[in-house]
Amino acid sequence: MSITRYETGVRMSRAVVHNNTVYLCGQVAEDRTAGITQQTQTMLAKVVSLLESVGSSKESILSATIYLKDMSLFAEMNSVWDAWVEEGKAPARACVEAKMASPELLVEISVIAAVN
C-alpha cells in the first residue's frame, strides 16, 4: 500500500495520493475580501494548481463537495462552476451551506480526483 502526502503540516496535508486517487484538503479563495464570483474563481484555480502538482487535472475530478457560507450565493457560484467544468466531464458533486472557518470566506471546496 502506497500513500504519498504532499505539503504536510501538523494538522493536515494539502493533498494525499493513494491507489491513483488524490484527495485534496479544502481549498479557499486567494482574496478572502472578494465577492463570491472572484472567490470561486481563485478557489478553483488553486484546485487546478494542486491537482497538476500531483499529476492530475480538473478533467479527472471524481467528486467535489462545495461549502457555501449562505445558499443565497448558490446561483452566482454555479455560474463560475458551470463555465469552469468542461462539458461531459462534470464530477459527482454536493453543495451545502456551512459555517466557514473564517467569517470573510464565502466558499470552500474539497475534491477527490484520479491521478493521470
N, C-alpha and C. Protein backbone atom coordinates (compact mmCIF):
# COMPACT_ATOMS: atom_id res chain seq x y z
N MET A 1 0.85 -1.18 0.00
CA MET A 1 0.00 0.00 0.00
C MET A 1 0.90 1.24 0.00
N SER A 2 0.62 2.13 -0.91
CA SER A 2 1.42 3.34 -1.04
C SER A 2 0.55 4.57 -0.78
N ILE A 3 0.96 5.37 0.17
CA ILE A 3 0.29 6.64 0.46
C ILE A 3 1.36 7.71 0.40
N THR A 4 1.12 8.73 -0.43
CA THR A 4 2.05 9.84 -0.54
C THR A 4 1.33 11.11 -0.12
N ARG A 5 1.92 11.81 0.83
CA ARG A 5 1.33 13.06 1.35
C ARG A 5 2.15 14.24 0.85
N TYR A 6 1.44 15.31 0.45
CA TYR A 6 2.09 16.50 -0.10
C TYR A 6 1.79 17.70 0.78
N GLU A 7 2.84 18.51 0.98
CA GLU A 7 2.72 19.73 1.77
C GLU A 7 2.06 19.43 3.12
N THR A 8 2.68 18.52 3.84
CA THR A 8 2.15 18.05 5.10
C THR A 8 2.57 18.95 6.25
N GLY A 9 1.61 19.31 7.06
CA GLY A 9 1.86 20.09 8.26
C GLY A 9 1.43 19.31 9.48
N VAL A 10 1.35 19.98 10.59
CA VAL A 10 0.95 19.33 11.84
C VAL A 10 -0.50 18.84 11.75
N ARG A 11 -1.36 19.66 11.16
CA ARG A 11 -2.79 19.39 11.16
C ARG A 11 -3.26 18.60 9.95
N MET A 12 -2.65 18.84 8.78
CA MET A 12 -3.16 18.21 7.56
C MET A 12 -2.12 18.26 6.45
N SER A 13 -2.42 17.49 5.40
CA SER A 13 -1.67 17.55 4.15
C SER A 13 -2.56 18.25 3.14
N ARG A 14 -1.94 19.01 2.22
CA ARG A 14 -2.74 19.69 1.18
C ARG A 14 -3.29 18.68 0.18
N ALA A 15 -2.56 17.57 -0.03
CA ALA A 15 -3.02 16.52 -0.93
C ALA A 15 -2.46 15.19 -0.45
N VAL A 16 -3.25 14.13 -0.66
CA VAL A 16 -2.82 12.78 -0.33
C VAL A 16 -3.17 11.89 -1.52
N VAL A 17 -2.18 11.13 -2.02
CA VAL A 17 -2.41 10.23 -3.13
C VAL A 17 -2.32 8.79 -2.63
N HIS A 18 -3.36 8.01 -3.00
CA HIS A 18 -3.42 6.59 -2.65
C HIS A 18 -4.13 5.86 -3.79
N ASN A 19 -3.53 4.78 -4.27
CA ASN A 19 -4.14 3.98 -5.33
C ASN A 19 -4.60 4.82 -6.52
N ASN A 20 -3.74 5.69 -7.01
CA ASN A 20 -4.03 6.54 -8.17
C ASN A 20 -5.24 7.45 -7.98
N THR A 21 -5.51 7.79 -6.73
CA THR A 21 -6.57 8.74 -6.39
C THR A 21 -5.96 9.81 -5.50
N VAL A 22 -6.30 11.07 -5.79
CA VAL A 22 -5.80 12.18 -4.97
C VAL A 22 -6.97 12.79 -4.20
N TYR A 23 -6.71 13.07 -2.95
CA TYR A 23 -7.67 13.70 -2.05
C TYR A 23 -7.10 15.06 -1.67
N LEU A 24 -7.80 16.13 -2.00
CA LEU A 24 -7.34 17.47 -1.66
C LEU A 24 -7.98 17.94 -0.37
N CYS A 25 -7.22 18.70 0.40
CA CYS A 25 -7.82 19.37 1.55
C CYS A 25 -8.72 20.48 1.03
N GLY A 26 -9.53 21.06 1.88
CA GLY A 26 -10.41 22.14 1.46
C GLY A 26 -9.62 23.31 0.89
N GLN A 27 -10.06 23.80 -0.26
CA GLN A 27 -9.41 24.93 -0.91
C GLN A 27 -10.33 26.14 -0.80
N VAL A 28 -9.74 27.28 -0.49
CA VAL A 28 -10.49 28.52 -0.36
C VAL A 28 -9.88 29.59 -1.26
N ALA A 29 -10.51 30.73 -1.31
CA ALA A 29 -10.10 31.83 -2.19
C ALA A 29 -8.75 32.41 -1.79
N GLU A 30 -8.10 33.00 -2.79
CA GLU A 30 -6.87 33.76 -2.54
C GLU A 30 -7.19 35.04 -1.77
N ASP A 31 -8.19 35.78 -2.24
CA ASP A 31 -8.58 37.05 -1.63
C ASP A 31 -9.88 36.86 -0.87
N ARG A 32 -9.76 36.76 0.42
CA ARG A 32 -10.93 36.50 1.26
C ARG A 32 -11.89 37.68 1.35
N THR A 33 -11.47 38.84 0.86
CA THR A 33 -12.35 40.01 0.92
C THR A 33 -13.16 40.17 -0.36
N ALA A 34 -12.89 39.35 -1.37
CA ALA A 34 -13.58 39.43 -2.66
C ALA A 34 -15.00 38.88 -2.56
N GLY A 35 -15.79 39.14 -3.59
CA GLY A 35 -17.14 38.61 -3.67
C GLY A 35 -17.13 37.14 -4.07
N ILE A 36 -18.31 36.56 -4.15
CA ILE A 36 -18.43 35.12 -4.41
C ILE A 36 -17.86 34.73 -5.77
N THR A 37 -18.04 35.56 -6.79
CA THR A 37 -17.53 35.21 -8.12
C THR A 37 -16.01 35.08 -8.09
N GLN A 38 -15.34 36.10 -7.58
CA GLN A 38 -13.88 36.05 -7.55
C GLN A 38 -13.37 34.99 -6.58
N GLN A 39 -14.03 34.82 -5.45
CA GLN A 39 -13.60 33.77 -4.51
C GLN A 39 -13.71 32.40 -5.17
N THR A 40 -14.78 32.17 -5.90
CA THR A 40 -14.95 30.88 -6.57
C THR A 40 -13.87 30.70 -7.64
N GLN A 41 -13.60 31.72 -8.42
CA GLN A 41 -12.59 31.63 -9.48
C GLN A 41 -11.21 31.32 -8.91
N THR A 42 -10.79 32.01 -7.87
CA THR A 42 -9.44 31.78 -7.34
C THR A 42 -9.37 30.45 -6.59
N MET A 43 -10.47 30.04 -5.97
CA MET A 43 -10.51 28.74 -5.30
C MET A 43 -10.32 27.63 -6.33
N LEU A 44 -11.02 27.73 -7.46
CA LEU A 44 -10.90 26.70 -8.50
C LEU A 44 -9.52 26.72 -9.14
N ALA A 45 -8.91 27.89 -9.27
CA ALA A 45 -7.54 27.97 -9.80
C ALA A 45 -6.58 27.24 -8.87
N LYS A 46 -6.78 27.35 -7.57
CA LYS A 46 -5.93 26.64 -6.61
C LYS A 46 -6.12 25.14 -6.74
N VAL A 47 -7.36 24.69 -7.00
CA VAL A 47 -7.62 23.27 -7.21
C VAL A 47 -6.82 22.77 -8.41
N VAL A 48 -6.89 23.49 -9.52
CA VAL A 48 -6.16 23.10 -10.73
C VAL A 48 -4.67 23.00 -10.45
N SER A 49 -4.12 24.00 -9.80
CA SER A 49 -2.69 24.02 -9.50
C SER A 49 -2.29 22.84 -8.63
N LEU A 50 -3.05 22.57 -7.60
CA LEU A 50 -2.72 21.48 -6.70
C LEU A 50 -2.87 20.13 -7.40
N LEU A 51 -3.93 19.96 -8.19
CA LEU A 51 -4.10 18.71 -8.94
C LEU A 51 -2.93 18.49 -9.89
N GLU A 52 -2.55 19.52 -10.62
CA GLU A 52 -1.45 19.39 -11.58
C GLU A 52 -0.13 19.06 -10.88
N SER A 53 0.04 19.56 -9.67
CA SER A 53 1.29 19.30 -8.94
C SER A 53 1.46 17.83 -8.54
N VAL A 54 0.36 17.07 -8.53
CA VAL A 54 0.43 15.65 -8.18
C VAL A 54 0.10 14.74 -9.37
N GLY A 55 0.06 15.32 -10.57
CA GLY A 55 -0.15 14.50 -11.76
C GLY A 55 -1.59 14.25 -12.12
N SER A 56 -2.47 15.16 -11.75
CA SER A 56 -3.88 15.03 -12.07
C SER A 56 -4.34 16.28 -12.81
N SER A 57 -5.64 16.42 -12.99
CA SER A 57 -6.19 17.57 -13.70
C SER A 57 -7.66 17.75 -13.33
N LYS A 58 -8.21 18.90 -13.69
CA LYS A 58 -9.62 19.14 -13.37
C LYS A 58 -10.54 18.18 -14.12
N GLU A 59 -10.10 17.70 -15.29
CA GLU A 59 -10.90 16.72 -16.04
C GLU A 59 -10.97 15.37 -15.34
N SER A 60 -10.08 15.15 -14.39
CA SER A 60 -10.03 13.87 -13.66
C SER A 60 -10.73 13.92 -12.32
N ILE A 61 -11.41 15.03 -12.02
CA ILE A 61 -12.12 15.13 -10.74
C ILE A 61 -13.27 14.13 -10.72
N LEU A 62 -13.31 13.33 -9.68
CA LEU A 62 -14.35 12.33 -9.49
C LEU A 62 -15.50 12.88 -8.66
N SER A 63 -15.15 13.65 -7.64
CA SER A 63 -16.14 14.14 -6.69
C SER A 63 -15.72 15.49 -6.14
N ALA A 64 -16.69 16.36 -5.94
CA ALA A 64 -16.44 17.67 -5.34
C ALA A 64 -17.52 17.97 -4.32
N THR A 65 -17.11 18.45 -3.17
CA THR A 65 -18.04 18.94 -2.16
C THR A 65 -17.78 20.42 -1.98
N ILE A 66 -18.81 21.22 -2.22
CA ILE A 66 -18.70 22.67 -2.13
C ILE A 66 -19.46 23.13 -0.90
N TYR A 67 -18.80 23.98 -0.12
CA TYR A 67 -19.38 24.55 1.08
C TYR A 67 -19.61 26.03 0.84
N LEU A 68 -20.84 26.49 0.99
CA LEU A 68 -21.18 27.90 0.83
C LEU A 68 -21.54 28.49 2.17
N LYS A 69 -21.10 29.70 2.40
CA LYS A 69 -21.45 30.40 3.63
C LYS A 69 -22.96 30.61 3.72
N ASP A 70 -23.58 30.85 2.57
CA ASP A 70 -25.03 31.11 2.52
C ASP A 70 -25.54 30.61 1.18
N MET A 71 -26.63 29.86 1.19
CA MET A 71 -27.17 29.31 -0.06
C MET A 71 -27.69 30.40 -1.00
N SER A 72 -27.82 31.62 -0.53
CA SER A 72 -28.19 32.71 -1.43
C SER A 72 -27.09 32.97 -2.46
N LEU A 73 -25.89 32.42 -2.23
CA LEU A 73 -24.75 32.57 -3.15
C LEU A 73 -24.68 31.44 -4.19
N PHE A 74 -25.61 30.51 -4.11
CA PHE A 74 -25.59 29.30 -4.93
C PHE A 74 -25.58 29.60 -6.43
N ALA A 75 -26.46 30.44 -6.91
CA ALA A 75 -26.56 30.73 -8.34
C ALA A 75 -25.29 31.41 -8.86
N GLU A 76 -24.77 32.36 -8.11
CA GLU A 76 -23.56 33.07 -8.54
C GLU A 76 -22.35 32.14 -8.56
N MET A 77 -22.23 31.29 -7.55
CA MET A 77 -21.14 30.32 -7.52
C MET A 77 -21.29 29.36 -8.69
N ASN A 78 -22.52 28.90 -8.97
CA ASN A 78 -22.75 27.96 -10.06
C ASN A 78 -22.42 28.55 -11.42
N SER A 79 -22.58 29.85 -11.60
CA SER A 79 -22.25 30.44 -12.89
C SER A 79 -20.75 30.32 -13.16
N VAL A 80 -19.93 30.44 -12.13
CA VAL A 80 -18.48 30.25 -12.28
C VAL A 80 -18.18 28.77 -12.47
N TRP A 81 -18.77 27.92 -11.66
CA TRP A 81 -18.56 26.48 -11.74
C TRP A 81 -18.93 25.95 -13.13
N ASP A 82 -20.10 26.35 -13.63
CA ASP A 82 -20.58 25.85 -14.92
C ASP A 82 -19.64 26.23 -16.06
N ALA A 83 -19.05 27.41 -15.99
CA ALA A 83 -18.09 27.84 -17.02
C ALA A 83 -16.75 27.11 -16.88
N TRP A 84 -16.44 26.66 -15.68
CA TRP A 84 -15.15 26.02 -15.39
C TRP A 84 -15.14 24.54 -15.77
N VAL A 85 -16.26 23.85 -15.53
CA VAL A 85 -16.33 22.41 -15.79
C VAL A 85 -16.53 22.18 -17.29
N GLU A 86 -15.68 21.32 -17.86
CA GLU A 86 -15.82 21.01 -19.27
C GLU A 86 -17.06 20.15 -19.51
N GLU A 87 -17.73 20.42 -20.62
CA GLU A 87 -18.93 19.68 -20.97
C GLU A 87 -18.63 18.18 -21.02
N GLY A 88 -19.49 17.39 -20.38
CA GLY A 88 -19.33 15.95 -20.35
C GLY A 88 -18.35 15.45 -19.31
N LYS A 89 -17.73 16.35 -18.54
CA LYS A 89 -16.73 15.93 -17.55
C LYS A 89 -17.07 16.41 -16.14
N ALA A 90 -18.35 16.62 -15.90
CA ALA A 90 -18.77 17.08 -14.57
C ALA A 90 -18.61 15.94 -13.56
N PRO A 91 -18.01 16.24 -12.41
CA PRO A 91 -17.85 15.21 -11.38
C PRO A 91 -19.15 15.03 -10.59
N ALA A 92 -19.20 14.00 -9.77
CA ALA A 92 -20.25 13.92 -8.76
C ALA A 92 -20.05 15.12 -7.85
N ARG A 93 -21.15 15.73 -7.39
CA ARG A 93 -20.98 16.97 -6.63
C ARG A 93 -22.07 17.12 -5.58
N ALA A 94 -21.67 17.67 -4.45
CA ALA A 94 -22.61 18.08 -3.41
C ALA A 94 -22.31 19.52 -3.08
N CYS A 95 -23.34 20.27 -2.71
CA CYS A 95 -23.15 21.66 -2.30
C CYS A 95 -24.01 21.88 -1.07
N VAL A 96 -23.37 22.33 0.00
CA VAL A 96 -24.07 22.52 1.26
C VAL A 96 -23.75 23.88 1.87
N GLU A 97 -24.65 24.36 2.68
CA GLU A 97 -24.39 25.58 3.44
C GLU A 97 -23.65 25.19 4.71
N ALA A 98 -22.61 25.96 5.03
CA ALA A 98 -21.80 25.62 6.21
C ALA A 98 -21.24 26.88 6.83
N LYS A 99 -21.04 26.82 8.13
CA LYS A 99 -20.33 27.89 8.82
C LYS A 99 -18.86 27.77 8.44
N MET A 100 -18.28 28.85 7.99
CA MET A 100 -16.91 28.82 7.49
C MET A 100 -15.91 29.05 8.63
N ALA A 101 -14.67 28.61 8.41
CA ALA A 101 -13.62 28.76 9.41
C ALA A 101 -13.26 30.21 9.67
N SER A 102 -13.48 31.05 8.67
CA SER A 102 -13.18 32.47 8.77
C SER A 102 -14.41 33.24 8.26
N PRO A 103 -14.84 34.29 8.94
CA PRO A 103 -16.10 34.95 8.58
C PRO A 103 -16.13 35.56 7.19
N GLU A 104 -14.99 35.93 6.62
CA GLU A 104 -14.99 36.53 5.29
C GLU A 104 -15.02 35.51 4.16
N LEU A 105 -14.77 34.24 4.47
CA LEU A 105 -14.82 33.19 3.45
C LEU A 105 -16.26 32.92 3.04
N LEU A 106 -16.49 32.85 1.73
CA LEU A 106 -17.83 32.61 1.19
C LEU A 106 -17.98 31.20 0.63
N VAL A 107 -16.85 30.57 0.25
CA VAL A 107 -16.92 29.27 -0.43
C VAL A 107 -15.65 28.48 -0.18
N GLU A 108 -15.80 27.17 -0.10
CA GLU A 108 -14.67 26.25 0.06
C GLU A 108 -15.03 24.98 -0.71
N ILE A 109 -14.01 24.29 -1.22
CA ILE A 109 -14.26 23.07 -1.97
C ILE A 109 -13.29 21.98 -1.53
N SER A 110 -13.79 20.76 -1.48
CA SER A 110 -12.98 19.57 -1.22
C SER A 110 -13.13 18.66 -2.44
N VAL A 111 -12.02 18.14 -2.96
CA VAL A 111 -12.02 17.42 -4.22
C VAL A 111 -11.33 16.07 -4.09
N ILE A 112 -11.87 15.08 -4.80
CA ILE A 112 -11.24 13.78 -4.98
C ILE A 112 -11.09 13.59 -6.48
N ALA A 113 -9.89 13.21 -6.94
CA ALA A 113 -9.65 13.05 -8.38
C ALA A 113 -8.76 11.85 -8.66
N ALA A 114 -8.88 11.35 -9.88
CA ALA A 114 -7.99 10.30 -10.35
C ALA A 114 -6.65 10.93 -10.71
N VAL A 115 -5.58 10.19 -10.48
CA VAL A 115 -4.26 10.64 -10.89
C VAL A 115 -4.02 10.06 -12.29
N ASN A 116 -3.65 10.93 -13.21
CA ASN A 116 -3.50 10.51 -14.62
C ASN A 116 -2.38 9.53 -14.81
